[in-house]
Amino acid sequence: MRSAHDEPVQLAIAPNEVIAGMWVSELQSEGIVAFARPLGPGFGAWASVATFEHEVIVRSSDLERARTVLDVFNAEDES
C-alpha cells in the first residue's frame, strides 16, 4: 500500500519541455525522483508538445526539498 508521503504532487509548471527537462535533471542529480508531463492538448494534438507548458511532478515526501533545489537552481540561472 502506498503511503501519502509517496503520492505524486505537482512541484512547478515549466514554460516548455526544455526547461522542464533541465529542472527534472537537476532534481534527479539531487536524488529526488521527478518527471515532467506535458499540459495542453497533449499527445496526438496538431503539433509537438515541446512548446507547451509541462508540469514537474515529485513525491510529496520530497516536495519541500525539491522546492529548495529548484529555487537555488533558478537563482543561479538568473545571475
N, C-alpha and C. Protein backbone atom coordinates (compact mmCIF):
# COMPACT_ATOMS: atom_id res chain seq x y z
N MET A 1 0.84 -1.18 0.00
CA MET A 1 0.00 0.00 0.00
C MET A 1 0.88 1.25 0.00
N ARG A 2 0.53 2.19 -0.81
CA ARG A 2 1.32 3.41 -0.95
C ARG A 2 1.00 4.39 0.17
N SER A 3 2.03 4.98 0.73
CA SER A 3 1.88 5.98 1.78
C SER A 3 1.52 7.33 1.15
N ALA A 4 0.85 8.17 1.93
CA ALA A 4 0.52 9.52 1.45
C ALA A 4 1.78 10.32 1.15
N HIS A 5 2.91 9.94 1.78
CA HIS A 5 4.17 10.64 1.53
C HIS A 5 4.77 10.31 0.17
N ASP A 6 4.29 9.24 -0.44
CA ASP A 6 4.80 8.83 -1.74
C ASP A 6 3.91 9.27 -2.89
N GLU A 7 2.80 9.92 -2.59
CA GLU A 7 1.88 10.36 -3.64
C GLU A 7 2.56 11.38 -4.54
N PRO A 8 2.36 11.29 -5.86
CA PRO A 8 2.93 12.29 -6.76
C PRO A 8 2.18 13.62 -6.63
N VAL A 9 2.95 14.70 -6.59
CA VAL A 9 2.38 16.05 -6.48
C VAL A 9 3.09 16.98 -7.47
N GLN A 10 2.39 18.02 -7.86
CA GLN A 10 2.97 19.00 -8.77
C GLN A 10 3.90 19.93 -8.01
N LEU A 11 5.13 20.02 -8.49
CA LEU A 11 6.12 20.93 -7.92
C LEU A 11 6.05 22.28 -8.60
N ALA A 12 6.00 22.29 -9.93
CA ALA A 12 6.04 23.55 -10.67
C ALA A 12 5.53 23.32 -12.09
N ILE A 13 5.29 24.42 -12.78
CA ILE A 13 4.94 24.37 -14.19
C ILE A 13 6.03 25.08 -14.97
N ALA A 14 6.66 24.34 -15.86
CA ALA A 14 7.73 24.89 -16.71
C ALA A 14 7.10 25.43 -17.99
N PRO A 15 7.70 26.47 -18.58
CA PRO A 15 7.12 27.07 -19.78
C PRO A 15 7.20 26.19 -21.03
N ASN A 16 8.10 25.20 -21.02
CA ASN A 16 8.24 24.32 -22.18
C ASN A 16 8.98 23.05 -21.78
N GLU A 17 9.12 22.14 -22.73
CA GLU A 17 9.74 20.84 -22.46
C GLU A 17 11.22 20.95 -22.10
N VAL A 18 11.92 21.87 -22.74
CA VAL A 18 13.36 22.01 -22.48
C VAL A 18 13.61 22.43 -21.04
N ILE A 19 12.90 23.44 -20.58
CA ILE A 19 13.06 23.91 -19.19
C ILE A 19 12.65 22.81 -18.22
N ALA A 20 11.55 22.15 -18.50
CA ALA A 20 11.10 21.05 -17.63
C ALA A 20 12.18 19.98 -17.54
N GLY A 21 12.81 19.67 -18.66
CA GLY A 21 13.87 18.66 -18.66
C GLY A 21 15.06 19.09 -17.83
N MET A 22 15.41 20.37 -17.90
CA MET A 22 16.52 20.87 -17.07
C MET A 22 16.18 20.76 -15.60
N TRP A 23 14.95 21.13 -15.23
CA TRP A 23 14.53 21.05 -13.83
C TRP A 23 14.54 19.61 -13.34
N VAL A 24 13.98 18.71 -14.14
CA VAL A 24 13.94 17.29 -13.75
C VAL A 24 15.35 16.75 -13.59
N SER A 25 16.24 17.10 -14.50
CA SER A 25 17.63 16.65 -14.42
C SER A 25 18.30 17.14 -13.14
N GLU A 26 18.09 18.40 -12.80
CA GLU A 26 18.68 18.96 -11.58
C GLU A 26 18.12 18.26 -10.34
N LEU A 27 16.81 18.04 -10.31
CA LEU A 27 16.20 17.36 -9.17
C LEU A 27 16.74 15.94 -9.03
N GLN A 28 16.85 15.23 -10.15
CA GLN A 28 17.36 13.86 -10.12
C GLN A 28 18.82 13.82 -9.68
N SER A 29 19.60 14.84 -10.04
CA SER A 29 21.00 14.88 -9.61
C SER A 29 21.11 15.06 -8.10
N GLU A 30 20.05 15.56 -7.49
CA GLU A 30 20.00 15.72 -6.03
C GLU A 30 19.31 14.53 -5.35
N GLY A 31 19.03 13.48 -6.11
CA GLY A 31 18.42 12.28 -5.55
C GLY A 31 16.92 12.33 -5.39
N ILE A 32 16.27 13.27 -6.06
CA ILE A 32 14.82 13.43 -5.98
C ILE A 32 14.20 12.80 -7.23
N VAL A 33 13.29 11.88 -7.03
CA VAL A 33 12.58 11.28 -8.14
C VAL A 33 11.63 12.32 -8.72
N ALA A 34 11.76 12.60 -10.03
CA ALA A 34 10.94 13.63 -10.67
C ALA A 34 10.70 13.27 -12.12
N PHE A 35 9.59 13.77 -12.66
CA PHE A 35 9.33 13.62 -14.09
C PHE A 35 8.48 14.80 -14.55
N ALA A 36 8.44 15.00 -15.85
CA ALA A 36 7.66 16.09 -16.44
C ALA A 36 6.55 15.50 -17.30
N ARG A 37 5.42 16.18 -17.29
CA ARG A 37 4.27 15.75 -18.08
C ARG A 37 3.73 16.97 -18.82
N PRO A 38 3.51 16.83 -20.15
CA PRO A 38 3.02 17.97 -20.92
C PRO A 38 1.59 18.34 -20.53
N LEU A 39 1.32 19.63 -20.56
CA LEU A 39 -0.04 20.14 -20.35
C LEU A 39 -0.60 20.56 -21.71
N GLY A 40 -1.79 21.05 -21.74
CA GLY A 40 -2.38 21.45 -23.01
C GLY A 40 -3.09 20.28 -23.66
N PRO A 41 -3.19 20.31 -24.99
CA PRO A 41 -3.95 19.26 -25.67
C PRO A 41 -3.32 17.88 -25.59
N GLY A 42 -2.02 17.80 -25.30
CA GLY A 42 -1.38 16.51 -25.10
C GLY A 42 -0.99 15.83 -26.40
N PHE A 43 -0.61 14.57 -26.26
CA PHE A 43 -0.16 13.79 -27.41
C PHE A 43 -1.29 13.64 -28.43
N GLY A 44 -0.94 13.62 -29.69
CA GLY A 44 -1.94 13.47 -30.74
C GLY A 44 -2.52 14.79 -31.19
N ALA A 45 -2.07 15.88 -30.58
CA ALA A 45 -2.53 17.20 -30.99
C ALA A 45 -1.90 17.55 -32.33
N TRP A 46 -2.21 18.71 -32.82
CA TRP A 46 -1.77 19.15 -34.14
C TRP A 46 -0.25 19.19 -34.28
N ALA A 47 0.46 19.56 -33.24
CA ALA A 47 1.92 19.72 -33.32
C ALA A 47 2.59 19.09 -32.12
N SER A 48 3.88 19.29 -32.03
CA SER A 48 4.67 18.75 -30.93
C SER A 48 4.26 19.38 -29.61
N VAL A 49 4.40 18.61 -28.53
CA VAL A 49 4.11 19.14 -27.20
C VAL A 49 5.30 19.88 -26.61
N ALA A 50 6.42 19.95 -27.33
CA ALA A 50 7.64 20.55 -26.80
C ALA A 50 7.45 22.01 -26.40
N THR A 51 6.57 22.72 -27.09
CA THR A 51 6.40 24.14 -26.79
C THR A 51 5.31 24.39 -25.75
N PHE A 52 4.61 23.35 -25.33
CA PHE A 52 3.57 23.51 -24.32
C PHE A 52 4.18 23.55 -22.93
N GLU A 53 3.43 24.12 -21.99
CA GLU A 53 3.85 24.06 -20.60
C GLU A 53 3.89 22.61 -20.15
N HIS A 54 4.79 22.32 -19.21
CA HIS A 54 4.93 20.98 -18.63
C HIS A 54 4.88 21.10 -17.12
N GLU A 55 4.17 20.20 -16.48
CA GLU A 55 4.20 20.18 -15.02
C GLU A 55 5.31 19.23 -14.57
N VAL A 56 6.00 19.64 -13.52
CA VAL A 56 7.06 18.82 -12.95
C VAL A 56 6.49 18.18 -11.69
N ILE A 57 6.60 16.85 -11.62
CA ILE A 57 5.99 16.06 -10.56
C ILE A 57 7.09 15.43 -9.69
N VAL A 58 6.87 15.47 -8.37
CA VAL A 58 7.76 14.81 -7.41
C VAL A 58 6.90 14.07 -6.39
N ARG A 59 7.53 13.25 -5.56
CA ARG A 59 6.80 12.61 -4.45
C ARG A 59 6.51 13.67 -3.40
N SER A 60 5.38 13.53 -2.75
CA SER A 60 5.00 14.52 -1.73
C SER A 60 6.03 14.60 -0.61
N SER A 61 6.70 13.49 -0.31
CA SER A 61 7.72 13.50 0.74
C SER A 61 8.95 14.30 0.34
N ASP A 62 9.14 14.53 -0.96
CA ASP A 62 10.29 15.30 -1.46
C ASP A 62 9.94 16.74 -1.80
N LEU A 63 8.69 17.13 -1.64
CA LEU A 63 8.23 18.42 -2.14
C LEU A 63 9.02 19.60 -1.60
N GLU A 64 9.19 19.69 -0.30
CA GLU A 64 9.88 20.85 0.27
C GLU A 64 11.34 20.93 -0.19
N ARG A 65 12.03 19.80 -0.17
CA ARG A 65 13.42 19.78 -0.62
C ARG A 65 13.51 20.10 -2.11
N ALA A 66 12.56 19.60 -2.89
CA ALA A 66 12.54 19.87 -4.33
C ALA A 66 12.32 21.35 -4.60
N ARG A 67 11.47 21.99 -3.82
CA ARG A 67 11.27 23.45 -3.98
C ARG A 67 12.57 24.20 -3.73
N THR A 68 13.29 23.80 -2.71
CA THR A 68 14.56 24.45 -2.39
C THR A 68 15.57 24.25 -3.52
N VAL A 69 15.69 23.03 -4.01
CA VAL A 69 16.62 22.73 -5.11
C VAL A 69 16.27 23.58 -6.33
N LEU A 70 14.99 23.64 -6.67
CA LEU A 70 14.56 24.39 -7.84
C LEU A 70 14.78 25.89 -7.66
N ASP A 71 14.52 26.40 -6.45
CA ASP A 71 14.76 27.82 -6.16
C ASP A 71 16.23 28.18 -6.33
N VAL A 72 17.12 27.34 -5.80
CA VAL A 72 18.56 27.59 -5.91
C VAL A 72 18.99 27.50 -7.38
N PHE A 73 18.52 26.49 -8.08
CA PHE A 73 18.87 26.31 -9.50
C PHE A 73 18.44 27.53 -10.32
N ASN A 74 17.22 28.01 -10.11
CA ASN A 74 16.72 29.15 -10.87
C ASN A 74 17.42 30.45 -10.48
N ALA A 75 17.80 30.59 -9.21
CA ALA A 75 18.52 31.78 -8.78
C ALA A 75 19.90 31.82 -9.41
N GLU A 76 20.57 30.68 -9.50
CA GLU A 76 21.89 30.61 -10.13
C GLU A 76 21.78 30.91 -11.62
N ASP A 77 20.68 30.47 -12.23
CA ASP A 77 20.46 30.68 -13.67
C ASP A 77 20.25 32.16 -13.98
N GLU A 78 19.65 32.90 -13.04
CA GLU A 78 19.36 34.32 -13.26
C GLU A 78 20.59 35.20 -13.07
N SER A 79 21.60 34.72 -12.34
CA SER A 79 22.77 35.57 -12.08
C SER A 79 23.83 35.43 -13.12
